Amino acid sequence: MAYTDIDKPSDYFNTVLYTGTGSSQGITGVGFQPDFLWVKSRSNADYHYFQDVVRGVTKQLNTNTNAAETSYTNGVTAFG
């Protein structure tokens, strides 16, 4: 696929801002089912982390540690 075939980049890349509640919540508005997530707190000094459909919802890659992969069960629960 050539770059000229991408008529609407938002079909492939999008950002969504949301406010965490401390409880389970659905995040909507992406416009498609994401295969890759980059999660970052904008108000706390928390780690950025990546999650993807290949590793699954309980596995994440932290961008500022030496850990290759960590398990976290209290985060993303589905790539819907």
N, C-alpha and C. Protein backbone atom coordinates (compact mmCIF):
# COMPACT_ATOMS: atom_id res chain seq x y z
N MET A 1 0.84 -1.17 0.00
CA MET A 1 0.00 0.00 0.00
C MET A 1 0.88 1.24 0.00
N ALA A 2 0.66 2.09 -0.91
CA ALA A 2 1.39 3.35 -0.99
C ALA A 2 0.72 4.39 -0.10
N TYR A 3 1.46 5.40 0.27
CA TYR A 3 0.91 6.45 1.11
C TYR A 3 -0.27 7.14 0.46
N THR A 4 -0.30 7.19 -0.84
CA THR A 4 -1.41 7.84 -1.52
C THR A 4 -2.71 7.07 -1.35
N ASP A 5 -2.64 5.80 -0.89
CA ASP A 5 -3.84 5.01 -0.68
C ASP A 5 -4.53 5.33 0.64
N ILE A 6 -3.90 6.13 1.50
CA ILE A 6 -4.49 6.47 2.78
C ILE A 6 -5.25 7.79 2.63
N ASP A 7 -6.53 7.66 2.35
CA ASP A 7 -7.35 8.85 2.14
C ASP A 7 -7.65 9.55 3.47
N LYS A 8 -7.87 8.78 4.52
CA LYS A 8 -8.23 9.34 5.81
C LYS A 8 -7.29 8.77 6.87
N PRO A 9 -6.23 9.46 7.24
CA PRO A 9 -5.31 8.93 8.24
C PRO A 9 -5.99 8.56 9.56
N SER A 10 -7.08 9.23 9.91
CA SER A 10 -7.77 8.91 11.17
C SER A 10 -8.42 7.52 11.15
N ASP A 11 -8.44 6.88 9.99
CA ASP A 11 -8.87 5.48 9.93
C ASP A 11 -7.81 4.54 10.49
N TYR A 12 -6.58 5.04 10.66
CA TYR A 12 -5.46 4.21 11.07
C TYR A 12 -4.75 4.72 12.33
N PHE A 13 -4.92 5.99 12.65
CA PHE A 13 -4.27 6.59 13.81
C PHE A 13 -5.21 7.62 14.41
N ASN A 14 -5.36 7.57 15.73
CA ASN A 14 -6.21 8.53 16.41
C ASN A 14 -5.79 8.65 17.85
N THR A 15 -6.06 9.78 18.46
CA THR A 15 -5.81 9.97 19.89
C THR A 15 -7.13 10.22 20.60
N VAL A 16 -7.19 9.76 21.83
CA VAL A 16 -8.38 9.96 22.66
C VAL A 16 -7.92 10.40 24.04
N LEU A 17 -8.43 11.52 24.51
CA LEU A 17 -8.16 11.97 25.88
C LEU A 17 -9.33 11.55 26.75
N TYR A 18 -9.04 11.05 27.94
CA TYR A 18 -10.10 10.67 28.86
C TYR A 18 -9.63 10.93 30.28
N THR A 19 -10.57 11.02 31.19
CA THR A 19 -10.27 11.21 32.60
C THR A 19 -10.50 9.89 33.32
N GLY A 20 -9.46 9.38 33.96
CA GLY A 20 -9.60 8.13 34.71
C GLY A 20 -10.49 8.31 35.92
N THR A 21 -11.16 7.23 36.29
CA THR A 21 -12.08 7.29 37.42
C THR A 21 -11.63 6.42 38.59
N GLY A 22 -10.60 5.59 38.39
CA GLY A 22 -10.20 4.65 39.42
C GLY A 22 -11.02 3.37 39.36
N SER A 23 -12.02 3.34 38.50
CA SER A 23 -12.87 2.17 38.31
C SER A 23 -12.83 1.77 36.84
N SER A 24 -13.40 0.64 36.56
CA SER A 24 -13.48 0.16 35.18
C SER A 24 -14.32 1.12 34.35
N GLN A 25 -13.83 1.45 33.17
CA GLN A 25 -14.58 2.32 32.28
C GLN A 25 -14.22 2.02 30.83
N GLY A 26 -15.17 2.20 29.96
CA GLY A 26 -14.91 2.04 28.54
C GLY A 26 -14.42 3.35 27.95
N ILE A 27 -13.40 3.27 27.12
CA ILE A 27 -12.89 4.44 26.42
C ILE A 27 -13.33 4.32 24.97
N THR A 28 -14.09 5.27 24.51
CA THR A 28 -14.63 5.22 23.15
C THR A 28 -14.14 6.43 22.37
N GLY A 29 -14.44 6.44 21.10
CA GLY A 29 -14.12 7.58 20.28
C GLY A 29 -12.92 7.40 19.37
N VAL A 30 -12.30 6.22 19.40
CA VAL A 30 -11.15 5.99 18.53
C VAL A 30 -11.59 5.95 17.08
N GLY A 31 -12.73 5.34 16.81
CA GLY A 31 -13.24 5.27 15.45
C GLY A 31 -12.94 3.95 14.75
N PHE A 32 -12.13 3.10 15.38
CA PHE A 32 -11.80 1.79 14.84
C PHE A 32 -11.28 0.93 16.00
N GLN A 33 -11.15 -0.36 15.79
CA GLN A 33 -10.60 -1.22 16.84
C GLN A 33 -9.08 -1.12 16.82
N PRO A 34 -8.47 -0.59 17.88
CA PRO A 34 -7.02 -0.42 17.87
C PRO A 34 -6.29 -1.75 18.08
N ASP A 35 -5.14 -1.87 17.45
CA ASP A 35 -4.26 -3.02 17.66
C ASP A 35 -3.10 -2.66 18.58
N PHE A 36 -2.88 -1.37 18.79
CA PHE A 36 -1.75 -0.88 19.56
C PHE A 36 -2.20 0.33 20.37
N LEU A 37 -1.87 0.35 21.65
CA LEU A 37 -2.22 1.48 22.52
C LEU A 37 -0.97 2.07 23.14
N TRP A 38 -0.93 3.37 23.24
CA TRP A 38 0.12 4.08 23.97
C TRP A 38 -0.62 4.88 25.03
N VAL A 39 -0.44 4.50 26.29
CA VAL A 39 -1.17 5.11 27.40
C VAL A 39 -0.21 5.98 28.20
N LYS A 40 -0.62 7.20 28.49
CA LYS A 40 0.22 8.15 29.21
C LYS A 40 -0.64 9.04 30.08
N SER A 41 -0.26 9.17 31.34
CA SER A 41 -0.93 10.11 32.23
C SER A 41 -0.46 11.52 31.89
N ARG A 42 -1.39 12.46 31.85
CA ARG A 42 -1.03 13.85 31.58
C ARG A 42 -0.89 14.67 32.85
N SER A 43 -1.29 14.09 33.99
CA SER A 43 -1.26 14.87 35.23
C SER A 43 -0.38 14.27 36.32
N ASN A 44 0.05 13.04 36.17
CA ASN A 44 0.90 12.38 37.17
C ASN A 44 2.21 11.95 36.54
N ALA A 45 3.19 11.69 37.36
CA ALA A 45 4.50 11.23 36.87
C ALA A 45 4.50 9.71 36.72
N ASP A 46 3.48 9.17 36.10
CA ASP A 46 3.39 7.72 35.87
C ASP A 46 4.15 7.36 34.60
N TYR A 47 4.43 6.05 34.48
CA TYR A 47 5.10 5.55 33.28
C TYR A 47 4.18 5.66 32.07
N HIS A 48 4.77 5.86 30.91
CA HIS A 48 4.06 5.61 29.65
C HIS A 48 4.08 4.10 29.48
N TYR A 49 3.10 3.55 28.85
CA TYR A 49 3.21 2.13 28.50
C TYR A 49 2.49 1.84 27.20
N PHE A 50 2.96 0.78 26.56
CA PHE A 50 2.39 0.30 25.30
C PHE A 50 1.70 -1.02 25.56
N GLN A 51 0.61 -1.24 24.88
CA GLN A 51 -0.06 -2.53 24.88
C GLN A 51 -0.49 -2.83 23.45
N ASP A 52 -0.45 -4.12 23.09
CA ASP A 52 -0.86 -4.50 21.74
C ASP A 52 -1.62 -5.81 21.76
N VAL A 53 -2.32 -6.08 20.68
CA VAL A 53 -3.15 -7.28 20.61
C VAL A 53 -2.33 -8.55 20.54
N VAL A 54 -1.09 -8.49 20.11
CA VAL A 54 -0.24 -9.68 20.04
C VAL A 54 0.09 -10.16 21.44
N ARG A 55 0.51 -9.26 22.34
CA ARG A 55 0.83 -9.62 23.72
C ARG A 55 -0.43 -9.85 24.55
N GLY A 56 -1.47 -9.10 24.28
CA GLY A 56 -2.72 -9.24 25.02
C GLY A 56 -2.90 -8.13 26.04
N VAL A 57 -4.07 -8.10 26.66
CA VAL A 57 -4.44 -6.99 27.52
C VAL A 57 -3.71 -6.97 28.86
N THR A 58 -3.16 -8.07 29.31
CA THR A 58 -2.47 -8.06 30.61
C THR A 58 -0.97 -7.82 30.49
N LYS A 59 -0.46 -7.67 29.30
CA LYS A 59 0.99 -7.45 29.10
C LYS A 59 1.23 -6.04 28.60
N GLN A 60 2.26 -5.42 29.13
CA GLN A 60 2.59 -4.07 28.68
C GLN A 60 4.09 -3.87 28.62
N LEU A 61 4.48 -2.94 27.79
CA LEU A 61 5.87 -2.52 27.68
C LEU A 61 5.97 -1.11 28.27
N ASN A 62 6.82 -0.96 29.28
CA ASN A 62 7.05 0.37 29.85
C ASN A 62 8.17 1.04 29.09
N THR A 63 8.01 2.31 28.80
CA THR A 63 8.99 3.00 27.98
C THR A 63 10.17 3.55 28.76
N ASN A 64 10.09 3.57 30.07
CA ASN A 64 11.18 4.17 30.84
C ASN A 64 11.73 3.22 31.91
N THR A 65 11.68 1.91 31.63
CA THR A 65 12.31 0.93 32.50
C THR A 65 13.09 -0.05 31.63
N ASN A 66 13.86 -0.90 32.28
CA ASN A 66 14.61 -1.94 31.57
C ASN A 66 13.80 -3.22 31.41
N ALA A 67 12.62 -3.27 31.98
CA ALA A 67 11.79 -4.47 31.88
C ALA A 67 11.36 -4.68 30.43
N ALA A 68 11.59 -5.87 29.92
CA ALA A 68 11.21 -6.16 28.54
C ALA A 68 9.68 -6.18 28.41
N GLU A 69 9.01 -6.75 29.41
CA GLU A 69 7.56 -6.86 29.37
C GLU A 69 7.09 -7.07 30.80
N THR A 70 6.00 -6.43 31.17
CA THR A 70 5.46 -6.61 32.51
C THR A 70 4.00 -7.05 32.41
N SER A 71 3.53 -7.69 33.46
CA SER A 71 2.13 -8.08 33.54
C SER A 71 1.38 -7.11 34.43
N TYR A 72 0.22 -6.68 33.98
CA TYR A 72 -0.59 -5.75 34.74
C TYR A 72 -2.05 -6.07 34.48
N THR A 73 -2.75 -6.52 35.51
CA THR A 73 -4.11 -6.97 35.32
C THR A 73 -5.15 -5.91 35.63
N ASN A 74 -4.75 -4.74 36.10
CA ASN A 74 -5.70 -3.69 36.45
C ASN A 74 -5.77 -2.57 35.41
N GLY A 75 -5.40 -2.86 34.20
CA GLY A 75 -5.41 -1.84 33.16
C GLY A 75 -6.41 -2.15 32.07
N VAL A 76 -5.94 -2.10 30.84
CA VAL A 76 -6.78 -2.36 29.68
C VAL A 76 -7.34 -3.78 29.77
N THR A 77 -8.63 -3.92 29.51
CA THR A 77 -9.26 -5.25 29.57
C THR A 77 -9.72 -5.75 28.21
N ALA A 78 -9.75 -4.89 27.21
CA ALA A 78 -10.18 -5.32 25.88
C ALA A 78 -9.75 -4.30 24.83
N PHE A 79 -9.47 -4.78 23.65
CA PHE A 79 -9.22 -3.93 22.49
C PHE A 79 -10.49 -3.92 21.66
N GLY A 80 -11.47 -3.14 22.03
CA GLY A 80 -12.74 -3.15 21.35
C GLY A 80 -12.90 -1.98 20.54
